[in-house]
Each structure stands twice: as C-alpha cells, then as structure tokens.
C-alpha cells in the first residue's frame, strides 16, 4: 500500500466523520492540515484570529449538529482557541479544536511556543487527547467527534505534533474507524 501523511489522514478522517467546515489560522505546524483539508474536499476558511475561528467552528456545530473544526498554531494559538472551545462546551455545541504542537521528541525541552495544551484544554471540553501515532489518527478523530455529539454535546480537543502532521505511515497500518452515527434521540 501507499504511504499517507498525518495531515492527509487527519483531513480524510474529519470528512469521514461528517465534519463539513474547518476554520483556523495557519502557521507552524498546522499549515499542511489546511492544505490537506482542501485536497480532501473539506472547506478551510482562514481567519485572522484563533478566537474568532473557534467561535465559528462552534457556530457550525450549533447549526449542523456535527462538529465544526478549528485548527490553531502551537502555544498562544491554542490558548486563543480555548475561548471558542469553552463557549461551545457551555452552550452544548459540538466542535473540535485541533492544536498544533512541536515535535514529540522535544516535549519538555522548551521547544518553540511549547505549552501543556492538553492539560490547558481539558477543563473546557468533554474530551482532550494528544495523538501519538500517525496510524491512530482516525481512531482519535472518531473519539473526539463521538464525545462532542453524544450525551450533552460540547467541545473536544485534539493535540497533534509536527512530526505526526508531517509523518507518514503505510495505509495498511491505519487503525480505521467507522463514521460515528448520529446520537440517539429520546
């Protein structure tokens, strides 16, 4: 089988899970994600500020019932995006905040704009996790979408490091995840 990059697998997984729009501010390391989204048919709408982008993603979740996605750069970008994540959480709107991060092998070394982003996002959403391997991206995207729409809807956060975004894996090694079905209605 052919290799696939983390950015392309993330975009493909978002489309498979019914995400219809992605907002954000491109920069290190999330630029390739915006490009991959456009290749996958997922409209990427560039914004001037991560806070506005995260509010837009939450509004899409409110309007469609499926989470809108927001990508942010490392550190301060994620912190700015948390405002919209908290808003979506409090208003019961499904949304995904996807934060870029420095390479995993630089964790704890004070790399460029390094911040403990998963820990920072956790109080403001239903699910927060770092993606540790390219081949597990679909698994984590499905979990984030499921958590954002099931039960009381709300926000979910995924942290994705530069070496995962740029990394590759054989498509045969990808942990596939079926589309998360619509939540049950009582």
C-alpha atoms as a PDB file:
ATOM      1  CA  UNK A   1       0.000   0.000   0.000  1.00  0.00           C
ATOM      2  CA  UNK A   2       0.984   3.650  -0.304  1.00  0.00           C
ATOM      3  CA  UNK A   3       2.117   5.968   2.450  1.00  0.00           C
ATOM      4  CA  UNK A   4      -0.178   8.699   3.761  1.00  0.00           C
ATOM      5  CA  UNK A   5       0.836  11.763   5.743  1.00  0.00           C
ATOM      6  CA  UNK A   6      -0.652  12.636   9.096  1.00  0.00           C
ATOM      7  CA  UNK A   7      -2.149  15.831   7.646  1.00  0.00           C
ATOM      8  CA  UNK A   8      -3.868  13.940   4.833  1.00  0.00           C
ATOM      9  CA  UNK A   9      -5.098  11.231   7.195  1.00  0.00           C
ATOM     10  CA  UNK A  10      -6.464  13.848   9.608  1.00  0.00           C
ATOM     11  CA  UNK A  11      -8.345  15.640   6.802  1.00  0.00           C
ATOM     12  CA  UNK A  12      -9.680  12.355   5.414  1.00  0.00           C
ATOM     13  CA  UNK A  13     -10.793  11.284   8.902  1.00  0.00           C
ATOM     14  CA  UNK A  14     -12.597  14.565   9.551  1.00  0.00           C
ATOM     15  CA  UNK A  15     -14.501  14.240   6.273  1.00  0.00           C
ATOM     16  CA  UNK A  16     -15.365  10.602   7.071  1.00  0.00           C
ATOM     17  CA  UNK A  17     -16.762  11.705  10.446  1.00  0.00           C
ATOM     18  CA  UNK A  18     -19.071  14.257   8.837  1.00  0.00           C
ATOM     19  CA  UNK A  19     -17.129  17.424   9.634  1.00  0.00           C
ATOM     20  CA  UNK A  20     -18.178  19.946   6.979  1.00  0.00           C
ATOM     21  CA  UNK A  21     -16.079  23.049   7.732  1.00  0.00           C
ATOM     22  CA  UNK A  22     -12.655  23.877   9.108  1.00  0.00           C
ATOM     23  CA  UNK A  23     -11.631  27.324  10.354  1.00  0.00           C
ATOM     24  CA  UNK A  24      -8.301  28.495  11.629  1.00  0.00           C
ATOM     25  CA  UNK A  25      -5.095  30.432  11.398  1.00  0.00           C
ATOM     26  CA  UNK A  26      -2.297  28.702   9.524  1.00  0.00           C
ATOM     27  CA  UNK A  27       1.262  28.756  10.767  1.00  0.00           C
ATOM     28  CA  UNK A  28       3.685  26.344  12.374  1.00  0.00           C
ATOM     29  CA  UNK A  29       2.882  23.439  12.335  1.00  0.00           C
ATOM     30  CA  UNK A  30      -0.723  23.300  11.042  1.00  0.00           C
ATOM     31  CA  UNK A  31      -0.301  24.723   7.526  1.00  0.00           C
ATOM     32  CA  UNK A  32      -0.199  21.241   5.957  1.00  0.00           C
ATOM     33  CA  UNK A  33      -3.527  20.386   7.642  1.00  0.00           C
ATOM     34  CA  UNK A  34      -5.299  23.291   5.907  1.00  0.00           C
ATOM     35  CA  UNK A  35      -3.839  22.213   2.555  1.00  0.00           C
ATOM     36  CA  UNK A  36      -4.834  18.581   3.156  1.00  0.00           C
ATOM     37  CA  UNK A  37      -8.365  19.637   4.121  1.00  0.00           C
ATOM     38  CA  UNK A  38      -8.811  21.428   0.820  1.00  0.00           C
ATOM     39  CA  UNK A  39      -7.492  18.386  -1.092  1.00  0.00           C
ATOM     40  CA  UNK A  40      -9.983  16.192   0.795  1.00  0.00           C
ATOM     41  CA  UNK A  41     -12.927  18.464  -0.068  1.00  0.00           C
ATOM     42  CA  UNK A  42     -13.192  19.941   3.439  1.00  0.00           C
ATOM     43  CA  UNK A  43     -13.522  23.719   3.086  1.00  0.00           C
ATOM     44  CA  UNK A  44     -10.848  25.560   5.074  1.00  0.00           C
ATOM     45  CA  UNK A  45     -11.761  29.135   5.996  1.00  0.00           C
ATOM     46  CA  UNK A  46      -8.770  31.168   7.118  1.00  0.00           C
ATOM     47  CA  UNK A  47      -9.397  33.678   9.884  1.00  0.00           C
ATOM     48  CA  UNK A  48      -7.334  36.499  11.381  1.00  0.00           C
ATOM     49  CA  UNK A  49      -7.589  35.265  14.951  1.00  0.00           C
ATOM     50  CA  UNK A  50      -7.900  31.838  16.542  1.00  0.00           C
ATOM     51  CA  UNK A  51     -10.602  33.029  18.915  1.00  0.00           C
ATOM     52  CA  UNK A  52     -12.854  34.060  16.017  1.00  0.00           C
ATOM     53  CA  UNK A  53     -12.067  30.780  14.235  1.00  0.00           C
ATOM     54  CA  UNK A  54     -13.031  28.722  17.279  1.00  0.00           C
ATOM     55  CA  UNK A  55     -16.296  30.634  17.711  1.00  0.00           C
ATOM     56  CA  UNK A  56     -17.073  29.978  14.024  1.00  0.00           C
ATOM     57  CA  UNK A  57     -16.419  26.242  14.476  1.00  0.00           C
ATOM     58  CA  UNK A  58     -18.781  26.200  17.457  1.00  0.00           C
ATOM     59  CA  UNK A  59     -21.465  28.035  15.480  1.00  0.00           C
ATOM     60  CA  UNK A  60     -21.214  25.407  12.719  1.00  0.00           C
ATOM     61  CA  UNK A  61     -21.711  22.723  15.365  1.00  0.00           C
ATOM     62  CA  UNK A  62     -24.820  24.507  16.602  1.00  0.00           C
ATOM     63  CA  UNK A  63     -26.236  24.867  13.077  1.00  0.00           C
ATOM     64  CA  UNK A  64     -25.421  21.400  11.722  1.00  0.00           C
ATOM     65  CA  UNK A  65     -25.333  19.100  14.757  1.00  0.00           C
ATOM     66  CA  UNK A  66     -21.915  17.819  13.631  1.00  0.00           C
ATOM     67  CA  UNK A  67     -18.793  19.472  14.989  1.00  0.00           C
ATOM     68  CA  UNK A  68     -17.105  22.298  13.168  1.00  0.00           C
ATOM     69  CA  UNK A  69     -13.318  22.082  13.279  1.00  0.00           C
ATOM     70  CA  UNK A  70     -10.789  24.747  14.175  1.00  0.00           C
ATOM     71  CA  UNK A  71      -7.024  24.437  13.723  1.00  0.00           C
ATOM     72  CA  UNK A  72      -4.601  26.589  15.665  1.00  0.00           C
ATOM     73  CA  UNK A  73      -0.876  27.063  15.886  1.00  0.00           C
ATOM     74  CA  UNK A  74       1.136  25.920  18.872  1.00  0.00           C
ATOM     75  CA  UNK A  75       1.008  27.603  22.280  1.00  0.00           C
ATOM     76  CA  UNK A  76      -0.687  31.018  22.124  1.00  0.00           C
ATOM     77  CA  UNK A  77      -2.843  29.903  19.180  1.00  0.00           C
ATOM     78  CA  UNK A  78      -4.307  27.054  21.211  1.00  0.00           C
ATOM     79  CA  UNK A  79      -4.826  29.363  24.197  1.00  0.00           C
ATOM     80  CA  UNK A  80      -6.765  31.796  21.973  1.00  0.00           C
ATOM     81  CA  UNK A  81      -8.828  28.914  20.564  1.00  0.00           C
ATOM     82  CA  UNK A  82      -9.867  27.761  24.024  1.00  0.00           C
ATOM     83  CA  UNK A  83     -12.317  30.693  24.257  1.00  0.00           C
ATOM     84  CA  UNK A  84     -14.486  29.206  21.499  1.00  0.00           C
ATOM     85  CA  UNK A  85     -13.996  25.707  22.910  1.00  0.00           C
ATOM     86  CA  UNK A  86     -15.319  26.840  26.303  1.00  0.00           C
ATOM     87  CA  UNK A  87     -18.198  28.673  24.614  1.00  0.00           C
ATOM     88  CA  UNK A  88     -19.167  25.537  22.663  1.00  0.00           C
ATOM     89  CA  UNK A  89     -18.920  23.442  25.815  1.00  0.00           C
ATOM     90  CA  UNK A  90     -21.174  25.743  27.846  1.00  0.00           C
ATOM     91  CA  UNK A  91     -23.709  26.110  25.036  1.00  0.00           C
ATOM     92  CA  UNK A  92     -23.776  22.364  24.221  1.00  0.00           C
ATOM     93  CA  UNK A  93     -22.481  22.896  20.682  1.00  0.00           C
ATOM     94  CA  UNK A  94     -20.307  20.178  19.147  1.00  0.00           C
ATOM     95  CA  UNK A  95     -16.910  21.428  17.983  1.00  0.00           C
ATOM     96  CA  UNK A  96     -13.332  20.232  17.567  1.00  0.00           C
ATOM     97  CA  UNK A  97     -10.315  22.320  18.424  1.00  0.00           C
ATOM     98  CA  UNK A  98      -7.179  20.867  16.846  1.00  0.00           C
ATOM     99  CA  UNK A  99      -3.979  22.348  18.179  1.00  0.00           C
ATOM    100  CA  UNK A 100      -0.609  22.020  16.563  1.00  0.00           C
ATOM    101  CA  UNK A 101       2.346  21.173  18.769  1.00  0.00           C
ATOM    102  CA  UNK A 102       6.110  20.938  18.494  1.00  0.00           C
ATOM    103  CA  UNK A 103       7.701  17.607  17.654  1.00  0.00           C
ATOM    104  CA  UNK A 104       7.034  14.859  20.194  1.00  0.00           C
ATOM    105  CA  UNK A 105      10.755  14.244  20.746  1.00  0.00           C
ATOM    106  CA  UNK A 106      11.050  17.846  22.014  1.00  0.00           C
ATOM    107  CA  UNK A 107       8.407  17.506  24.746  1.00  0.00           C
ATOM    108  CA  UNK A 108       9.605  19.145  27.935  1.00  0.00           C
ATOM    109  CA  UNK A 109      12.618  20.778  26.280  1.00  0.00           C
ATOM    110  CA  UNK A 110      11.149  24.265  25.907  1.00  0.00           C
ATOM    111  CA  UNK A 111      10.656  23.977  22.162  1.00  0.00           C
ATOM    112  CA  UNK A 112       9.004  26.724  20.107  1.00  0.00           C
ATOM    113  CA  UNK A 113       5.916  28.001  21.964  1.00  0.00           C
ATOM    114  CA  UNK A 114       5.711  24.753  23.925  1.00  0.00           C
ATOM    115  CA  UNK A 115       2.767  24.589  26.287  1.00  0.00           C
ATOM    116  CA  UNK A 116       0.915  21.793  28.078  1.00  0.00           C
ATOM    117  CA  UNK A 117      -2.012  22.173  25.709  1.00  0.00           C
ATOM    118  CA  UNK A 118      -3.991  19.026  26.526  1.00  0.00           C
ATOM    119  CA  UNK A 119      -3.920  19.971  30.190  1.00  0.00           C
ATOM    120  CA  UNK A 120      -4.953  23.534  29.341  1.00  0.00           C
ATOM    121  CA  UNK A 121      -7.910  22.456  27.198  1.00  0.00           C
ATOM    122  CA  UNK A 122      -9.199  19.693  29.495  1.00  0.00           C
ATOM    123  CA  UNK A 123     -11.323  21.876  31.845  1.00  0.00           C
ATOM    124  CA  UNK A 124     -13.137  23.419  28.874  1.00  0.00           C
ATOM    125  CA  UNK A 125     -14.250  20.357  26.916  1.00  0.00           C
ATOM    126  CA  UNK A 126     -15.590  16.807  27.134  1.00  0.00           C
ATOM    127  CA  UNK A 127     -12.554  15.106  25.600  1.00  0.00           C
ATOM    128  CA  UNK A 128      -8.912  16.134  25.203  1.00  0.00           C
ATOM    129  CA  UNK A 129      -6.088  13.954  23.947  1.00  0.00           C
ATOM    130  CA  UNK A 130      -2.772  14.089  22.150  1.00  0.00           C
ATOM    131  CA  UNK A 131      -2.351  11.973  19.026  1.00  0.00           C
ATOM    132  CA  UNK A 132       0.812   9.905  19.489  1.00  0.00           C
ATOM    133  CA  UNK A 133       0.997   7.930  16.214  1.00  0.00           C
ATOM    134  CA  UNK A 134       0.017   8.699  12.617  1.00  0.00           C
ATOM    135  CA  UNK A 135      -1.779   5.374  12.156  1.00  0.00           C
ATOM    136  CA  UNK A 136      -4.120   6.125  15.109  1.00  0.00           C
ATOM    137  CA  UNK A 137      -5.424   9.470  13.790  1.00  0.00           C
ATOM    138  CA  UNK A 138      -8.810   8.087  12.573  1.00  0.00           C
ATOM    139  CA  UNK A 139      -9.354   6.445  15.975  1.00  0.00           C
ATOM    140  CA  UNK A 140      -8.853   9.731  17.843  1.00  0.00           C
ATOM    141  CA  UNK A 141     -10.898  11.782  15.367  1.00  0.00           C
ATOM    142  CA  UNK A 142     -13.815   9.366  15.787  1.00  0.00           C
ATOM    143  CA  UNK A 143     -13.475   9.541  19.587  1.00  0.00           C
ATOM    144  CA  UNK A 144     -13.432  13.341  19.511  1.00  0.00           C
ATOM    145  CA  UNK A 145     -16.493  13.516  17.253  1.00  0.00           C
ATOM    146  CA  UNK A 146     -18.354  10.908  19.329  1.00  0.00           C
ATOM    147  CA  UNK A 147     -17.638  12.787  22.551  1.00  0.00           C
ATOM    148  CA  UNK A 148     -18.687  16.094  21.009  1.00  0.00           C
ATOM    149  CA  UNK A 149     -22.116  14.875  19.815  1.00  0.00           C
ATOM    150  CA  UNK A 150     -23.155  12.114  22.243  1.00  0.00           C
ATOM    151  CA  UNK A 151     -24.891  12.865  25.520  1.00  0.00           C
ATOM    152  CA  UNK A 152     -24.669  16.554  26.275  1.00  0.00           C
ATOM    153  CA  UNK A 153     -22.949  17.973  23.153  1.00  0.00           C
ATOM    154  CA  UNK A 154     -19.818  20.032  23.617  1.00  0.00           C
ATOM    155  CA  UNK A 155     -16.222  20.600  22.690  1.00  0.00           C
ATOM    156  CA  UNK A 156     -13.352  18.209  22.086  1.00  0.00           C
ATOM    157  CA  UNK A 157      -9.640  18.923  21.761  1.00  0.00           C
ATOM    158  CA  UNK A 158      -7.009  17.040  19.763  1.00  0.00           C
ATOM    159  CA  UNK A 159      -3.314  17.871  20.068  1.00  0.00           C
ATOM    160  CA  UNK A 160      -1.214  16.971  17.029  1.00  0.00           C
ATOM    161  CA  UNK A 161       2.543  17.401  16.930  1.00  0.00           C
ATOM    162  CA  UNK A 162       4.530  18.494  13.890  1.00  0.00           C
ATOM    163  CA  UNK A 163       6.180  15.081  13.483  1.00  0.00           C
ATOM    164  CA  UNK A 164       2.713  13.460  13.434  1.00  0.00           C
ATOM    165  CA  UNK A 165       1.369  16.035  10.934  1.00  0.00           C
ATOM    166  CA  UNK A 166       4.369  15.604   8.623  1.00  0.00           C
ATOM    167  CA  UNK A 167       4.879  11.934   9.466  1.00  0.00           C
ATOM    168  CA  UNK A 168       3.788   9.081   7.251  1.00  0.00           C
ATOM    169  CA  UNK A 169       2.504   5.582   7.669  1.00  0.00           C
ATOM    170  CA  UNK A 170       1.514   2.793   5.346  1.00  0.00           C
ATOM    171  CA  UNK A 171      -2.219   2.999   4.676  1.00  0.00           C
ATOM    172  CA  UNK A 172      -2.433  -0.705   5.560  1.00  0.00           C
ATOM    173  CA  UNK A 173      -1.370   0.111   9.139  1.00  0.00           C
ATOM    174  CA  UNK A 174      -4.081   2.745   9.669  1.00  0.00           C
ATOM    175  CA  UNK A 175      -6.480   1.986  12.514  1.00  0.00           C
ATOM    176  CA  UNK A 176      -9.741   2.535  10.633  1.00  0.00           C
ATOM    177  CA  UNK A 177     -12.761   3.970  12.391  1.00  0.00           C
ATOM    178  CA  UNK A 178     -16.309   3.805  11.044  1.00  0.00           C
ATOM    179  CA  UNK A 179     -18.330   7.016  10.890  1.00  0.00           C
ATOM    180  CA  UNK A 180     -19.750   7.843  14.269  1.00  0.00           C
ATOM    181  CA  UNK A 181     -23.534   7.506  13.873  1.00  0.00           C
ATOM    182  CA  UNK A 182     -25.925  10.251  14.849  1.00  0.00           C
ATOM    183  CA  UNK A 183     -26.599  10.211  18.580  1.00  0.00           C
ATOM    184  CA  UNK A 184     -29.803   8.573  19.794  1.00  0.00           C
ATOM    185  CA  UNK A 185     -32.707  10.926  20.462  1.00  0.00           C
ATOM    186  CA  UNK A 186     -35.080  10.298  23.310  1.00  0.00           C
END
